[in-house]
Amino acid sequence: MKTTSTFTPLVILILAAIVATTSTSAAIVPKHGPSASGAGLFRFRDSQSERTEIWSFSFEAVANKNGRTRGQAQFDNLTAQTQVVVRINCLRIVEGLFPPRAVISGTVLHSDDPDLPKLQDVLFAASDGPLLPSFTSDTITPLFPLFPFDGPVNCQDVEPLTILAVEDGDIQISV
């Protein structure tokens, strides 16, 4: 009987000492690199159809400390009723004179847009804040197909030029 009453507090004391001296923060919390996320609407004048299209978008891209990026984006053309889902594999944050902007690329996972078929590599960019004096909000570009003429191309190699104001949304960029 005396062994049981001594054994239980001893086990509790040993377990408490192990828990108190074990550091779990480094094992559980990975160190991240830059990230970008956002959602909202934008209007884009399609030169082929000569109409203004309304698009909704959402994306999240996170790079680890080694620069490897993971994430997903979804672009819905509300005018044409099409959807494009992208697996993000590249994120580049550009800092400087203007607010930070993210250049992002990836591969189309799902699409019912004939101009952006499944497995097409695509590129887009977004800024957290007005990029030019004419814009008073965050900005985004539509999806652009990437064509590797001299080998693989990703967000480290090119940057889209079309810049559109984000409506009813927000973009966050973290360095």
C-alpha atoms as a PDB file:
ATOM      1  CA  MET A   1       0.000   0.000   0.000  1.00  0.00           C
ATOM      2  CA  LYS A   2       2.832   2.372   0.821  1.00  0.00           C
ATOM      3  CA  THR A   3       4.497   1.615  -2.547  1.00  0.00           C
ATOM      4  CA  THR A   4       1.417   2.758  -4.479  1.00  0.00           C
ATOM      5  CA  SER A   5       1.084   6.003  -2.583  1.00  0.00           C
ATOM      6  CA  THR A   6       4.780   6.840  -3.188  1.00  0.00           C
ATOM      7  CA  PHE A   7       4.863   5.625  -6.795  1.00  0.00           C
ATOM      8  CA  THR A   8       2.026   7.858  -8.126  1.00  0.00           C
ATOM      9  CA  PRO A   9       3.494  11.189  -6.938  1.00  0.00           C
ATOM     10  CA  LEU A  10       6.939  10.111  -8.218  1.00  0.00           C
ATOM     11  CA  VAL A  11       5.565   9.406 -11.720  1.00  0.00           C
ATOM     12  CA  ILE A  12       3.723  12.740 -11.744  1.00  0.00           C
ATOM     13  CA  LEU A  13       6.903  14.550 -10.688  1.00  0.00           C
ATOM     14  CA  ILE A  14       8.972  12.887 -13.438  1.00  0.00           C
ATOM     15  CA  LEU A  15       6.352  13.673 -16.113  1.00  0.00           C
ATOM     16  CA  ALA A  16       6.134  17.278 -14.961  1.00  0.00           C
ATOM     17  CA  ALA A  17       9.923  17.619 -15.189  1.00  0.00           C
ATOM     18  CA  ILE A  18       9.951  16.190 -18.722  1.00  0.00           C
ATOM     19  CA  VAL A  19       7.179  18.508 -19.894  1.00  0.00           C
ATOM     20  CA  ALA A  20       8.805  21.547 -18.273  1.00  0.00           C
ATOM     21  CA  THR A  21      12.229  20.925 -19.840  1.00  0.00           C
ATOM     22  CA  THR A  22      11.099  19.964 -23.349  1.00  0.00           C
ATOM     23  CA  SER A  23      11.055  22.829 -25.853  1.00  0.00           C
ATOM     24  CA  THR A  24       8.359  22.267 -28.469  1.00  0.00           C
ATOM     25  CA  SER A  25       8.193  25.721 -30.037  1.00  0.00           C
ATOM     26  CA  ALA A  26      10.970  25.121 -32.561  1.00  0.00           C
ATOM     27  CA  ALA A  27       9.503  21.790 -33.636  1.00  0.00           C
ATOM     28  CA  ILE A  28       5.924  22.992 -34.044  1.00  0.00           C
ATOM     29  CA  VAL A  29       6.232  26.506 -35.473  1.00  0.00           C
ATOM     30  CA  PRO A  30       7.908  26.476 -38.895  1.00  0.00           C
ATOM     31  CA  LYS A  31       9.762  29.567 -40.011  1.00  0.00           C
ATOM     32  CA  HIS A  32       7.995  31.133 -42.953  1.00  0.00           C
ATOM     33  CA  GLY A  33       9.248  33.424 -45.628  1.00  0.00           C
ATOM     34  CA  PRO A  34       7.097  35.968 -47.446  1.00  0.00           C
ATOM     35  CA  SER A  35       3.386  35.527 -48.007  1.00  0.00           C
ATOM     36  CA  ALA A  36       0.582  37.117 -49.989  1.00  0.00           C
ATOM     37  CA  SER A  37      -3.170  36.690 -49.828  1.00  0.00           C
ATOM     38  CA  GLY A  38      -6.255  38.471 -50.978  1.00  0.00           C
ATOM     39  CA  ALA A  39      -9.797  38.362 -52.260  1.00  0.00           C
ATOM     40  CA  GLY A  40     -12.073  40.741 -54.096  1.00  0.00           C
ATOM     41  CA  LEU A  41     -13.366  41.836 -57.483  1.00  0.00           C
ATOM     42  CA  PHE A  42     -11.832  43.550 -60.494  1.00  0.00           C
ATOM     43  CA  ARG A  43     -13.018  44.703 -63.918  1.00  0.00           C
ATOM     44  CA  PHE A  44     -11.096  43.785 -67.039  1.00  0.00           C
ATOM     45  CA  ARG A  45     -11.735  44.965 -70.595  1.00  0.00           C
ATOM     46  CA  ASP A  46     -11.292  41.939 -72.844  1.00  0.00           C
ATOM     47  CA  SER A  47      -9.843  43.141 -76.149  1.00  0.00           C
ATOM     48  CA  GLN A  48     -11.041  40.030 -78.006  1.00  0.00           C
ATOM     49  CA  SER A  49     -14.699  40.283 -77.016  1.00  0.00           C
ATOM     50  CA  GLU A  50     -14.570  44.084 -76.561  1.00  0.00           C
ATOM     51  CA  ARG A  51     -16.550  43.859 -73.327  1.00  0.00           C
ATOM     52  CA  THR A  52     -15.780  44.632 -69.732  1.00  0.00           C
ATOM     53  CA  GLU A  53     -15.716  41.488 -67.621  1.00  0.00           C
ATOM     54  CA  ILE A  54     -16.210  41.308 -63.866  1.00  0.00           C
ATOM     55  CA  TRP A  55     -13.915  38.855 -62.092  1.00  0.00           C
ATOM     56  CA  SER A  56     -13.801  37.645 -58.502  1.00  0.00           C
ATOM     57  CA  PHE A  57     -10.564  36.287 -57.104  1.00  0.00           C
ATOM     58  CA  SER A  58      -9.050  34.782 -53.999  1.00  0.00           C
ATOM     59  CA  PHE A  59      -5.516  33.582 -53.392  1.00  0.00           C
ATOM     60  CA  GLU A  60      -3.067  32.615 -50.699  1.00  0.00           C
ATOM     61  CA  ALA A  61       0.647  31.987 -51.249  1.00  0.00           C
ATOM     62  CA  VAL A  62       3.183  31.198 -48.517  1.00  0.00           C
ATOM     63  CA  ALA A  63       6.905  30.675 -49.032  1.00  0.00           C
ATOM     64  CA  ASN A  64       9.022  28.807 -46.509  1.00  0.00           C
ATOM     65  CA  LYS A  65      12.424  29.984 -45.305  1.00  0.00           C
ATOM     66  CA  ASN A  66      14.052  28.153 -48.254  1.00  0.00           C
ATOM     67  CA  GLY A  67      11.914  29.979 -50.812  1.00  0.00           C
ATOM     68  CA  ARG A  68       9.628  27.061 -51.731  1.00  0.00           C
ATOM     69  CA  THR A  69       6.083  28.295 -52.223  1.00  0.00           C
ATOM     70  CA  ARG A  70       2.722  26.640 -51.791  1.00  0.00           C
ATOM     71  CA  GLY A  71      -0.748  28.004 -52.195  1.00  0.00           C
ATOM     72  CA  GLN A  72      -3.876  28.227 -54.278  1.00  0.00           C
ATOM     73  CA  ALA A  73      -5.740  30.833 -56.284  1.00  0.00           C
ATOM     74  CA  GLN A  74      -9.212  30.943 -57.742  1.00  0.00           C
ATOM     75  CA  PHE A  75     -10.322  33.360 -60.459  1.00  0.00           C
ATOM     76  CA  ASP A  76     -14.013  33.407 -61.431  1.00  0.00           C
ATOM     77  CA  ASN A  77     -15.113  35.290 -64.532  1.00  0.00           C
ATOM     78  CA  LEU A  78     -18.579  36.340 -63.385  1.00  0.00           C
ATOM     79  CA  THR A  79     -19.450  37.681 -66.834  1.00  0.00           C
ATOM     80  CA  ALA A  80     -18.546  34.529 -68.795  1.00  0.00           C
ATOM     81  CA  GLN A  81     -19.391  32.151 -65.903  1.00  0.00           C
ATOM     82  CA  THR A  82     -15.986  30.426 -65.966  1.00  0.00           C
ATOM     83  CA  GLN A  83     -13.628  29.415 -63.177  1.00  0.00           C
ATOM     84  CA  VAL A  84      -9.873  28.819 -63.020  1.00  0.00           C
ATOM     85  CA  VAL A  85      -8.179  27.180 -60.012  1.00  0.00           C
ATOM     86  CA  VAL A  86      -4.378  27.481 -59.769  1.00  0.00           C
ATOM     87  CA  ARG A  87      -1.854  25.619 -57.624  1.00  0.00           C
ATOM     88  CA  ILE A  88       0.690  28.304 -56.703  1.00  0.00           C
ATOM     89  CA  ASN A  89       4.350  27.288 -56.780  1.00  0.00           C
ATOM     90  CA  CYS A  90       6.242  30.583 -57.016  1.00  0.00           C
ATOM     91  CA  LEU A  91       6.076  33.854 -55.051  1.00  0.00           C
ATOM     92  CA  ARG A  92       8.328  36.880 -55.450  1.00  0.00           C
ATOM     93  CA  ILE A  93       7.843  40.005 -53.334  1.00  0.00           C
ATOM     94  CA  VAL A  94       9.053  43.225 -54.960  1.00  0.00           C
ATOM     95  CA  GLU A  95       9.779  46.110 -52.590  1.00  0.00           C
ATOM     96  CA  GLY A  96      10.950  49.573 -53.411  1.00  0.00           C
ATOM     97  CA  LEU A  97       9.501  52.967 -54.220  1.00  0.00           C
ATOM     98  CA  PHE A  98       5.907  51.687 -54.470  1.00  0.00           C
ATOM     99  CA  PRO A  99       3.967  49.575 -51.958  1.00  0.00           C
ATOM    100  CA  PRO A 100       5.063  45.934 -51.912  1.00  0.00           C
ATOM    101  CA  ARG A 101       3.756  43.804 -54.729  1.00  0.00           C
ATOM    102  CA  ALA A 102       3.643  40.060 -55.132  1.00  0.00           C
ATOM    103  CA  VAL A 103       4.394  38.331 -58.417  1.00  0.00           C
ATOM    104  CA  ILE A 104       2.873  34.854 -58.342  1.00  0.00           C
ATOM    105  CA  SER A 105       2.887  31.905 -60.726  1.00  0.00           C
ATOM    106  CA  GLY A 106       1.531  28.387 -60.752  1.00  0.00           C
ATOM    107  CA  THR A 107      -0.230  25.693 -62.739  1.00  0.00           C
ATOM    108  CA  VAL A 108      -3.923  25.503 -63.602  1.00  0.00           C
ATOM    109  CA  LEU A 109      -5.543  22.599 -61.722  1.00  0.00           C
ATOM    110  CA  HIS A 110      -9.098  23.118 -62.957  1.00  0.00           C
ATOM    111  CA  SER A 111     -10.530  25.343 -65.647  1.00  0.00           C
ATOM    112  CA  ASP A 112     -13.574  25.739 -67.802  1.00  0.00           C
ATOM    113  CA  ASP A 113     -12.006  28.809 -69.459  1.00  0.00           C
ATOM    114  CA  PRO A 114     -10.793  27.816 -72.957  1.00  0.00           C
ATOM    115  CA  ASP A 115      -8.016  30.440 -72.837  1.00  0.00           C
ATOM    116  CA  LEU A 116      -6.519  28.959 -69.643  1.00  0.00           C
ATOM    117  CA  PRO A 117      -6.648  25.146 -69.953  1.00  0.00           C
ATOM    118  CA  LYS A 118      -5.728  22.625 -67.254  1.00  0.00           C
ATOM    119  CA  LEU A 119      -1.932  22.268 -66.721  1.00  0.00           C
ATOM    120  CA  GLN A 120      -1.246  25.703 -68.278  1.00  0.00           C
ATOM    121  CA  ASP A 121       1.372  27.662 -66.335  1.00  0.00           C
ATOM    122  CA  VAL A 122       0.019  31.100 -65.401  1.00  0.00           C
ATOM    123  CA  LEU A 123       1.212  34.345 -63.806  1.00  0.00           C
ATOM    124  CA  PHE A 124      -0.448  37.216 -61.941  1.00  0.00           C
ATOM    125  CA  ALA A 125       0.582  40.028 -59.618  1.00  0.00           C
ATOM    126  CA  ALA A 126      -1.007  41.969 -56.767  1.00  0.00           C
ATOM    127  CA  SER A 127      -0.090  45.014 -54.693  1.00  0.00           C
ATOM    128  CA  ASP A 128      -0.945  45.919 -51.122  1.00  0.00           C
ATOM    129  CA  GLY A 129      -1.853  49.561 -51.556  1.00  0.00           C
ATOM    130  CA  PRO A 130      -2.030  51.974 -54.472  1.00  0.00           C
ATOM    131  CA  LEU A 131       0.607  51.130 -57.060  1.00  0.00           C
ATOM    132  CA  LEU A 132       0.203  54.280 -59.117  1.00  0.00           C
ATOM    133  CA  PRO A 133      -1.248  57.686 -58.252  1.00  0.00           C
ATOM    134  CA  SER A 134      -4.326  56.913 -60.356  1.00  0.00           C
ATOM    135  CA  PHE A 135      -5.264  53.935 -58.161  1.00  0.00           C
ATOM    136  CA  THR A 136      -6.568  54.473 -54.647  1.00  0.00           C
ATOM    137  CA  SER A 137      -6.816  50.818 -53.681  1.00  0.00           C
ATOM    138  CA  ASP A 138      -4.965  47.545 -53.813  1.00  0.00           C
ATOM    139  CA  THR A 139      -4.267  46.300 -57.342  1.00  0.00           C
ATOM    140  CA  ILE A 140      -4.233  42.968 -59.151  1.00  0.00           C
ATOM    141  CA  THR A 141      -3.652  41.649 -62.655  1.00  0.00           C
ATOM    142  CA  PRO A 142      -5.696  39.027 -64.456  1.00  0.00           C
ATOM    143  CA  LEU A 143      -4.176  35.590 -65.053  1.00  0.00           C
ATOM    144  CA  PHE A 144      -1.699  35.477 -67.923  1.00  0.00           C
ATOM    145  CA  PRO A 145      -0.560  32.231 -69.592  1.00  0.00           C
ATOM    146  CA  LEU A 146       3.177  31.546 -69.459  1.00  0.00           C
ATOM    147  CA  PHE A 147       4.848  30.099 -72.530  1.00  0.00           C
ATOM    148  CA  PRO A 148       8.363  28.691 -71.916  1.00  0.00           C
ATOM    149  CA  PHE A 149      10.192  29.571 -75.135  1.00  0.00           C
ATOM    150  CA  ASP A 150      13.688  28.990 -73.723  1.00  0.00           C
ATOM    151  CA  GLY A 151      12.944  26.624 -70.839  1.00  0.00           C
ATOM    152  CA  PRO A 152      10.800  26.882 -67.717  1.00  0.00           C
ATOM    153  CA  VAL A 153       9.393  30.292 -66.798  1.00  0.00           C
ATOM    154  CA  ASN A 154       7.974  31.316 -63.416  1.00  0.00           C
ATOM    155  CA  CYS A 155       7.419  34.388 -61.249  1.00  0.00           C
ATOM    156  CA  GLN A 156      11.165  34.931 -60.863  1.00  0.00           C
ATOM    157  CA  ASP A 157      11.558  35.546 -64.607  1.00  0.00           C
ATOM    158  CA  VAL A 158       8.708  37.838 -65.706  1.00  0.00           C
ATOM    159  CA  GLU A 159       6.155  40.310 -64.392  1.00  0.00           C
ATOM    160  CA  PRO A 160       2.726  41.201 -65.828  1.00  0.00           C
ATOM    161  CA  LEU A 161       2.044  44.808 -66.786  1.00  0.00           C
ATOM    162  CA  THR A 162      -1.758  45.068 -66.704  1.00  0.00           C
ATOM    163  CA  ILE A 163      -2.735  46.647 -63.378  1.00  0.00           C
ATOM    164  CA  LEU A 164      -6.354  46.782 -62.224  1.00  0.00           C
ATOM    165  CA  ALA A 165      -7.949  48.265 -59.117  1.00  0.00           C
ATOM    166  CA  VAL A 166      -9.373  45.828 -56.588  1.00  0.00           C
ATOM    167  CA  GLU A 167     -13.027  46.460 -55.756  1.00  0.00           C
ATOM    168  CA  ASP A 168     -14.714  45.174 -52.598  1.00  0.00           C
ATOM    169  CA  GLY A 169     -11.619  43.344 -51.391  1.00  0.00           C
ATOM    170  CA  ASP A 170      -8.230  43.438 -49.773  1.00  0.00           C
ATOM    171  CA  ILE A 171      -4.715  42.204 -50.472  1.00  0.00           C
ATOM    172  CA  GLN A 172      -2.148  41.515 -47.750  1.00  0.00           C
ATOM    173  CA  ILE A 173       1.574  41.084 -48.431  1.00  0.00           C
ATOM    174  CA  SER A 174       4.038  40.096 -45.744  1.00  0.00           C
ATOM    175  CA  VAL A 175       7.794  40.090 -46.209  1.00  0.00           C
END
